[in-house]
């Protein structure tokens, strides 16, 4: 997001957003956009559909298309164009859940992921390469948690009946680039490579994160 200070006032780019969608879900569209600091300009019926126009900060558009397509079963049509810079509209609410952060470099072990599934949702698959400071999941609580998903199961010289639990791992959540950009917190980056999209903390080391905490 590009912010400018104009005559001592912090300003941001604002765009005109037009959404063409079924009338019965127009209320949800208005709700989605207003949460993102959008201001409705007009609402016009067109048969069984509704054409709604807004002014919205450019940063509010990130992730909005996917949200609208999900809510309308793919029927929403969204277009937008830059208008001008306007005074900063304020913070847009982000996610309230914290992150699950990888403790060390290695491979994600199915046993460890399975044991930690009650802590939250994971973004990595079993046996996927991971590294220290990588955001590997979403915590079910509001704070960040450092986890060790590279830990293997300790082997013993004997087995008791029923000692080995069947591993049932929920499929990993995979982000598009737009979804990842919307999802990250202030202290996180999106890492894009030819083969993958990953999330990571700005400071990979836990001690550095505590030392240079970003509010």
C-alpha atoms as a PDB file:
ATOM      1  CA  UNK A   1       0.000   0.000   0.000  1.00  0.00           C
ATOM      2  CA  UNK A   2       1.394   3.398  -1.022  1.00  0.00           C
ATOM      3  CA  UNK A   3       0.687   6.168   1.497  1.00  0.00           C
ATOM      4  CA  UNK A   4       1.429   9.813   0.784  1.00  0.00           C
ATOM      5  CA  UNK A   5       1.456  12.842   3.054  1.00  0.00           C
ATOM      6  CA  UNK A   6      -0.334  15.708   1.310  1.00  0.00           C
ATOM      7  CA  UNK A   7      -0.355  19.068   3.110  1.00  0.00           C
ATOM      8  CA  UNK A   8       0.395  17.277   6.349  1.00  0.00           C
ATOM      9  CA  UNK A   9      -2.430  14.724   5.923  1.00  0.00           C
ATOM     10  CA  UNK A  10      -1.722  10.985   5.469  1.00  0.00           C
ATOM     11  CA  UNK A  11      -3.493   9.882   2.278  1.00  0.00           C
ATOM     12  CA  UNK A  12      -4.040   6.608   0.445  1.00  0.00           C
ATOM     13  CA  UNK A  13      -5.227   5.527  -3.029  1.00  0.00           C
ATOM     14  CA  UNK A  14      -9.001   5.153  -3.387  1.00  0.00           C
ATOM     15  CA  UNK A  15     -10.810   3.319  -6.185  1.00  0.00           C
ATOM     16  CA  UNK A  16     -14.312   3.195  -7.604  1.00  0.00           C
ATOM     17  CA  UNK A  17     -15.612  -0.349  -7.170  1.00  0.00           C
ATOM     18  CA  UNK A  18     -18.570  -1.759  -9.127  1.00  0.00           C
ATOM     19  CA  UNK A  19     -20.154  -5.078  -8.157  1.00  0.00           C
ATOM     20  CA  UNK A  20     -22.751  -6.837 -10.336  1.00  0.00           C
ATOM     21  CA  UNK A  21     -24.379  -9.694  -8.399  1.00  0.00           C
ATOM     22  CA  UNK A  22     -27.689 -11.446  -7.618  1.00  0.00           C
ATOM     23  CA  UNK A  23     -30.073  -9.215  -5.697  1.00  0.00           C
ATOM     24  CA  UNK A  24     -30.635 -11.735  -2.896  1.00  0.00           C
ATOM     25  CA  UNK A  25     -26.969 -11.529  -1.789  1.00  0.00           C
ATOM     26  CA  UNK A  26     -26.488  -7.784  -2.280  1.00  0.00           C
ATOM     27  CA  UNK A  27     -26.756  -7.170   1.476  1.00  0.00           C
ATOM     28  CA  UNK A  28     -23.767  -9.383   2.153  1.00  0.00           C
ATOM     29  CA  UNK A  29     -21.735  -7.567  -0.494  1.00  0.00           C
ATOM     30  CA  UNK A  30     -22.480  -4.227   1.166  1.00  0.00           C
ATOM     31  CA  UNK A  31     -21.406  -5.695   4.504  1.00  0.00           C
ATOM     32  CA  UNK A  32     -18.139  -7.062   3.087  1.00  0.00           C
ATOM     33  CA  UNK A  33     -17.208  -3.745   1.473  1.00  0.00           C
ATOM     34  CA  UNK A  34     -18.153  -1.453   4.366  1.00  0.00           C
ATOM     35  CA  UNK A  35     -16.028  -3.531   6.771  1.00  0.00           C
ATOM     36  CA  UNK A  36     -13.142  -2.734   4.404  1.00  0.00           C
ATOM     37  CA  UNK A  37     -13.829   1.014   4.724  1.00  0.00           C
ATOM     38  CA  UNK A  38     -15.848   1.198   1.500  1.00  0.00           C
ATOM     39  CA  UNK A  39     -18.558   3.874   1.046  1.00  0.00           C
ATOM     40  CA  UNK A  40     -21.597   2.992  -1.043  1.00  0.00           C
ATOM     41  CA  UNK A  41     -22.376   5.486  -3.834  1.00  0.00           C
ATOM     42  CA  UNK A  42     -25.374   3.874  -5.540  1.00  0.00           C
ATOM     43  CA  UNK A  43     -27.448   0.690  -5.796  1.00  0.00           C
ATOM     44  CA  UNK A  44     -29.446   0.038  -8.982  1.00  0.00           C
ATOM     45  CA  UNK A  45     -31.582  -3.032  -9.789  1.00  0.00           C
ATOM     46  CA  UNK A  46     -31.076  -4.717 -13.164  1.00  0.00           C
ATOM     47  CA  UNK A  47     -33.563  -7.563 -13.569  1.00  0.00           C
ATOM     48  CA  UNK A  48     -32.805 -10.089 -10.843  1.00  0.00           C
ATOM     49  CA  UNK A  49     -29.371  -8.581 -10.270  1.00  0.00           C
ATOM     50  CA  UNK A  50     -28.073  -5.488  -8.494  1.00  0.00           C
ATOM     51  CA  UNK A  51     -25.365  -3.058  -9.585  1.00  0.00           C
ATOM     52  CA  UNK A  52     -23.665  -1.480  -6.561  1.00  0.00           C
ATOM     53  CA  UNK A  53     -20.976   1.191  -6.692  1.00  0.00           C
ATOM     54  CA  UNK A  54     -18.572   2.112  -3.909  1.00  0.00           C
ATOM     55  CA  UNK A  55     -15.510   4.175  -3.171  1.00  0.00           C
ATOM     56  CA  UNK A  56     -13.001   1.963  -1.379  1.00  0.00           C
ATOM     57  CA  UNK A  57      -9.322   2.152  -0.381  1.00  0.00           C
ATOM     58  CA  UNK A  58      -7.126   0.102  -2.711  1.00  0.00           C
ATOM     59  CA  UNK A  59      -5.949  -2.026   0.232  1.00  0.00           C
ATOM     60  CA  UNK A  60      -9.580  -2.988   0.931  1.00  0.00           C
ATOM     61  CA  UNK A  61      -9.844  -4.724  -2.429  1.00  0.00           C
ATOM     62  CA  UNK A  62      -7.180  -7.320  -1.564  1.00  0.00           C
ATOM     63  CA  UNK A  63      -8.977 -10.622  -0.971  1.00  0.00           C
ATOM     64  CA  UNK A  64     -12.439  -9.162  -1.649  1.00  0.00           C
ATOM     65  CA  UNK A  65     -12.979 -10.930  -4.979  1.00  0.00           C
ATOM     66  CA  UNK A  66     -12.582 -14.400  -3.446  1.00  0.00           C
ATOM     67  CA  UNK A  67     -14.901 -13.475  -0.585  1.00  0.00           C
ATOM     68  CA  UNK A  68     -17.604 -12.268  -2.992  1.00  0.00           C
ATOM     69  CA  UNK A  69     -17.282 -15.259  -5.311  1.00  0.00           C
ATOM     70  CA  UNK A  70     -17.655 -17.633  -2.365  1.00  0.00           C
ATOM     71  CA  UNK A  71     -20.714 -15.774  -1.034  1.00  0.00           C
ATOM     72  CA  UNK A  72     -22.413 -15.688  -4.442  1.00  0.00           C
ATOM     73  CA  UNK A  73     -21.434 -19.166  -5.683  1.00  0.00           C
ATOM     74  CA  UNK A  74     -19.290 -17.558  -8.385  1.00  0.00           C
ATOM     75  CA  UNK A  75     -21.937 -15.176  -9.745  1.00  0.00           C
ATOM     76  CA  UNK A  76     -20.437 -11.839  -8.659  1.00  0.00           C
ATOM     77  CA  UNK A  77     -18.709  -9.634 -11.242  1.00  0.00           C
ATOM     78  CA  UNK A  78     -16.316  -7.061  -9.795  1.00  0.00           C
ATOM     79  CA  UNK A  79     -14.487  -4.194 -11.512  1.00  0.00           C
ATOM     80  CA  UNK A  80     -12.528  -1.300 -10.055  1.00  0.00           C
ATOM     81  CA  UNK A  81     -10.487   1.707 -11.190  1.00  0.00           C
ATOM     82  CA  UNK A  82      -8.249   4.194  -9.429  1.00  0.00           C
ATOM     83  CA  UNK A  83      -9.829   7.602  -8.685  1.00  0.00           C
ATOM     84  CA  UNK A  84      -7.547   9.658  -6.457  1.00  0.00           C
ATOM     85  CA  UNK A  85      -5.722   9.900  -3.156  1.00  0.00           C
ATOM     86  CA  UNK A  86      -7.942  10.627  -0.155  1.00  0.00           C
ATOM     87  CA  UNK A  87      -7.271  10.928   3.592  1.00  0.00           C
ATOM     88  CA  UNK A  88      -6.399   7.610   5.227  1.00  0.00           C
ATOM     89  CA  UNK A  89      -9.592   5.712   6.099  1.00  0.00           C
ATOM     90  CA  UNK A  90      -8.318   3.937   9.212  1.00  0.00           C
ATOM     91  CA  UNK A  91      -7.448   0.367  10.098  1.00  0.00           C
ATOM     92  CA  UNK A  92      -9.269  -2.493   8.393  1.00  0.00           C
ATOM     93  CA  UNK A  93     -10.006  -5.349  10.843  1.00  0.00           C
ATOM     94  CA  UNK A  94      -7.750  -8.340  10.289  1.00  0.00           C
ATOM     95  CA  UNK A  95      -7.814 -11.893  11.567  1.00  0.00           C
ATOM     96  CA  UNK A  96      -8.008 -12.422  15.304  1.00  0.00           C
ATOM     97  CA  UNK A  97      -6.226 -15.797  15.407  1.00  0.00           C
ATOM     98  CA  UNK A  98      -2.511 -16.092  15.963  1.00  0.00           C
ATOM     99  CA  UNK A  99       0.017 -18.068  13.936  1.00  0.00           C
ATOM    100  CA  UNK A 100       1.651 -21.464  14.384  1.00  0.00           C
ATOM    101  CA  UNK A 101       5.349 -20.842  13.776  1.00  0.00           C
ATOM    102  CA  UNK A 102       7.892 -23.492  12.890  1.00  0.00           C
ATOM    103  CA  UNK A 103      10.655 -23.951  15.468  1.00  0.00           C
ATOM    104  CA  UNK A 104      13.433 -25.307  13.227  1.00  0.00           C
ATOM    105  CA  UNK A 105      14.462 -26.389   9.730  1.00  0.00           C
ATOM    106  CA  UNK A 106      13.524 -29.831   8.487  1.00  0.00           C
ATOM    107  CA  UNK A 107      10.582 -31.784   7.117  1.00  0.00           C
ATOM    108  CA  UNK A 108       7.044 -31.677   8.463  1.00  0.00           C
ATOM    109  CA  UNK A 109       6.533 -35.045  10.172  1.00  0.00           C
ATOM    110  CA  UNK A 110       3.015 -36.561   9.938  1.00  0.00           C
ATOM    111  CA  UNK A 111       3.214 -37.741  13.578  1.00  0.00           C
ATOM    112  CA  UNK A 112       3.933 -34.207  14.833  1.00  0.00           C
ATOM    113  CA  UNK A 113       1.254 -32.556  12.691  1.00  0.00           C
ATOM    114  CA  UNK A 114      -1.282 -35.095  13.911  1.00  0.00           C
ATOM    115  CA  UNK A 115      -0.455 -34.400  17.573  1.00  0.00           C
ATOM    116  CA  UNK A 116      -0.754 -30.631  17.047  1.00  0.00           C
ATOM    117  CA  UNK A 117      -3.973 -30.572  15.013  1.00  0.00           C
ATOM    118  CA  UNK A 118      -6.047 -29.629  18.049  1.00  0.00           C
ATOM    119  CA  UNK A 119      -3.950 -26.446  18.297  1.00  0.00           C
ATOM    120  CA  UNK A 120      -5.159 -25.110  14.951  1.00  0.00           C
ATOM    121  CA  UNK A 121      -5.174 -25.463  11.164  1.00  0.00           C
ATOM    122  CA  UNK A 122      -2.053 -26.239   9.126  1.00  0.00           C
ATOM    123  CA  UNK A 123      -0.787 -24.732   5.864  1.00  0.00           C
ATOM    124  CA  UNK A 124       1.829 -27.388   5.113  1.00  0.00           C
ATOM    125  CA  UNK A 125       1.541 -31.006   4.036  1.00  0.00           C
ATOM    126  CA  UNK A 126       3.295 -33.959   5.702  1.00  0.00           C
ATOM    127  CA  UNK A 127       6.921 -34.373   4.538  1.00  0.00           C
ATOM    128  CA  UNK A 128       7.008 -30.820   3.145  1.00  0.00           C
ATOM    129  CA  UNK A 129      10.237 -28.876   3.747  1.00  0.00           C
ATOM    130  CA  UNK A 130       9.818 -26.203   6.446  1.00  0.00           C
ATOM    131  CA  UNK A 131      12.154 -23.713   8.113  1.00  0.00           C
ATOM    132  CA  UNK A 132      12.540 -21.741  11.328  1.00  0.00           C
ATOM    133  CA  UNK A 133      10.174 -18.773  11.437  1.00  0.00           C
ATOM    134  CA  UNK A 134       7.837 -20.101   8.753  1.00  0.00           C
ATOM    135  CA  UNK A 135       4.135 -19.690   9.491  1.00  0.00           C
ATOM    136  CA  UNK A 136       2.937 -23.279   9.144  1.00  0.00           C
ATOM    137  CA  UNK A 137      -0.603 -22.839  10.457  1.00  0.00           C
ATOM    138  CA  UNK A 138      -3.212 -20.765  12.244  1.00  0.00           C
ATOM    139  CA  UNK A 139      -3.490 -20.990  16.010  1.00  0.00           C
ATOM    140  CA  UNK A 140      -6.970 -21.661  17.410  1.00  0.00           C
ATOM    141  CA  UNK A 141      -6.227 -18.885  19.925  1.00  0.00           C
ATOM    142  CA  UNK A 142      -5.337 -15.231  19.474  1.00  0.00           C
ATOM    143  CA  UNK A 143      -1.611 -15.454  20.262  1.00  0.00           C
ATOM    144  CA  UNK A 144       1.290 -16.848  18.248  1.00  0.00           C
ATOM    145  CA  UNK A 145       2.679 -20.267  19.157  1.00  0.00           C
ATOM    146  CA  UNK A 146       6.038 -21.793  18.237  1.00  0.00           C
ATOM    147  CA  UNK A 147       5.648 -25.482  17.379  1.00  0.00           C
ATOM    148  CA  UNK A 148       7.989 -28.329  16.475  1.00  0.00           C
ATOM    149  CA  UNK A 149       6.538 -30.196  13.516  1.00  0.00           C
ATOM    150  CA  UNK A 150       9.888 -31.770  12.579  1.00  0.00           C
ATOM    151  CA  UNK A 151       9.890 -34.025  15.653  1.00  0.00           C
ATOM    152  CA  UNK A 152       9.752 -37.758  14.903  1.00  0.00           C
ATOM    153  CA  UNK A 153       8.049 -40.379  17.027  1.00  0.00           C
ATOM    154  CA  UNK A 154      10.319 -42.004  19.595  1.00  0.00           C
ATOM    155  CA  UNK A 155      10.776 -45.707  18.920  1.00  0.00           C
ATOM    156  CA  UNK A 156      10.893 -48.327  21.662  1.00  0.00           C
ATOM    157  CA  UNK A 157      12.079 -51.922  21.726  1.00  0.00           C
ATOM    158  CA  UNK A 158       8.567 -53.242  22.290  1.00  0.00           C
ATOM    159  CA  UNK A 159       5.011 -52.428  21.299  1.00  0.00           C
ATOM    160  CA  UNK A 160       1.882 -52.702  23.368  1.00  0.00           C
ATOM    161  CA  UNK A 161      -1.454 -53.576  21.821  1.00  0.00           C
ATOM    162  CA  UNK A 162      -3.058 -50.514  20.269  1.00  0.00           C
ATOM    163  CA  UNK A 163      -0.022 -48.325  20.956  1.00  0.00           C
ATOM    164  CA  UNK A 164       0.172 -46.939  17.405  1.00  0.00           C
ATOM    165  CA  UNK A 165      -2.589 -44.443  16.708  1.00  0.00           C
ATOM    166  CA  UNK A 166      -3.825 -44.105  13.169  1.00  0.00           C
ATOM    167  CA  UNK A 167      -2.722 -40.766  11.777  1.00  0.00           C
ATOM    168  CA  UNK A 168      -5.621 -38.754  10.363  1.00  0.00           C
ATOM    169  CA  UNK A 169      -4.368 -35.437   9.070  1.00  0.00           C
ATOM    170  CA  UNK A 170      -6.726 -32.736   7.826  1.00  0.00           C
ATOM    171  CA  UNK A 171      -5.720 -31.481   4.333  1.00  0.00           C
ATOM    172  CA  UNK A 172      -3.521 -28.383   4.486  1.00  0.00           C
ATOM    173  CA  UNK A 173      -4.971 -24.961   3.646  1.00  0.00           C
ATOM    174  CA  UNK A 174      -3.327 -23.526   0.518  1.00  0.00           C
ATOM    175  CA  UNK A 175      -3.480 -19.801  -0.265  1.00  0.00           C
ATOM    176  CA  UNK A 176      -3.566 -17.948  -3.539  1.00  0.00           C
ATOM    177  CA  UNK A 177      -1.285 -14.901  -3.634  1.00  0.00           C
ATOM    178  CA  UNK A 178      -4.227 -12.557  -3.062  1.00  0.00           C
ATOM    179  CA  UNK A 179      -5.512 -14.620  -0.134  1.00  0.00           C
ATOM    180  CA  UNK A 180      -2.042 -14.727   1.425  1.00  0.00           C
ATOM    181  CA  UNK A 181      -1.601 -10.952   1.144  1.00  0.00           C
ATOM    182  CA  UNK A 182      -4.929 -10.421   2.874  1.00  0.00           C
ATOM    183  CA  UNK A 183      -4.207 -13.015   5.560  1.00  0.00           C
ATOM    184  CA  UNK A 184      -0.810 -11.937   6.904  1.00  0.00           C
ATOM    185  CA  UNK A 185      -0.303  -9.862  10.037  1.00  0.00           C
ATOM    186  CA  UNK A 186       1.940  -6.783  10.342  1.00  0.00           C
ATOM    187  CA  UNK A 187       4.933  -8.894  11.404  1.00  0.00           C
ATOM    188  CA  UNK A 188       4.658 -11.376   8.540  1.00  0.00           C
ATOM    189  CA  UNK A 189       5.754 -11.646   4.909  1.00  0.00           C
ATOM    190  CA  UNK A 190       4.447 -13.584   1.917  1.00  0.00           C
ATOM    191  CA  UNK A 191       7.238 -15.588   0.256  1.00  0.00           C
ATOM    192  CA  UNK A 192       6.629 -16.421  -3.412  1.00  0.00           C
ATOM    193  CA  UNK A 193       8.694 -18.978  -5.332  1.00  0.00           C
ATOM    194  CA  UNK A 194       8.070 -20.648  -8.720  1.00  0.00           C
ATOM    195  CA  UNK A 195       6.611 -23.681  -6.934  1.00  0.00           C
ATOM    196  CA  UNK A 196       4.939 -22.372  -3.783  1.00  0.00           C
ATOM    197  CA  UNK A 197       3.516 -19.530  -1.733  1.00  0.00           C
ATOM    198  CA  UNK A 198       4.616 -19.507   1.899  1.00  0.00           C
ATOM    199  CA  UNK A 199       4.013 -17.291   4.908  1.00  0.00           C
ATOM    200  CA  UNK A 200       6.820 -16.339   7.272  1.00  0.00           C
ATOM    201  CA  UNK A 201       7.617 -14.014  10.130  1.00  0.00           C
ATOM    202  CA  UNK A 202       9.708 -10.955   9.295  1.00  0.00           C
ATOM    203  CA  UNK A 203      12.160 -12.046  11.990  1.00  0.00           C
ATOM    204  CA  UNK A 204      12.708 -15.788  11.649  1.00  0.00           C
ATOM    205  CA  UNK A 205      14.415 -16.277  14.997  1.00  0.00           C
ATOM    206  CA  UNK A 206      12.161 -16.340  18.060  1.00  0.00           C
ATOM    207  CA  UNK A 207      14.550 -14.226  20.149  1.00  0.00           C
ATOM    208  CA  UNK A 208      14.685 -11.591  17.403  1.00  0.00           C
ATOM    209  CA  UNK A 209      10.886 -11.501  17.266  1.00  0.00           C
ATOM    210  CA  UNK A 210      10.741 -10.796  20.987  1.00  0.00           C
ATOM    211  CA  UNK A 211      13.510  -8.221  20.747  1.00  0.00           C
ATOM    212  CA  UNK A 212      12.098  -6.326  17.746  1.00  0.00           C
ATOM    213  CA  UNK A 213       8.390  -6.837  18.407  1.00  0.00           C
ATOM    214  CA  UNK A 214       6.145  -5.181  15.779  1.00  0.00           C
ATOM    215  CA  UNK A 215       2.852  -3.806  17.164  1.00  0.00           C
END
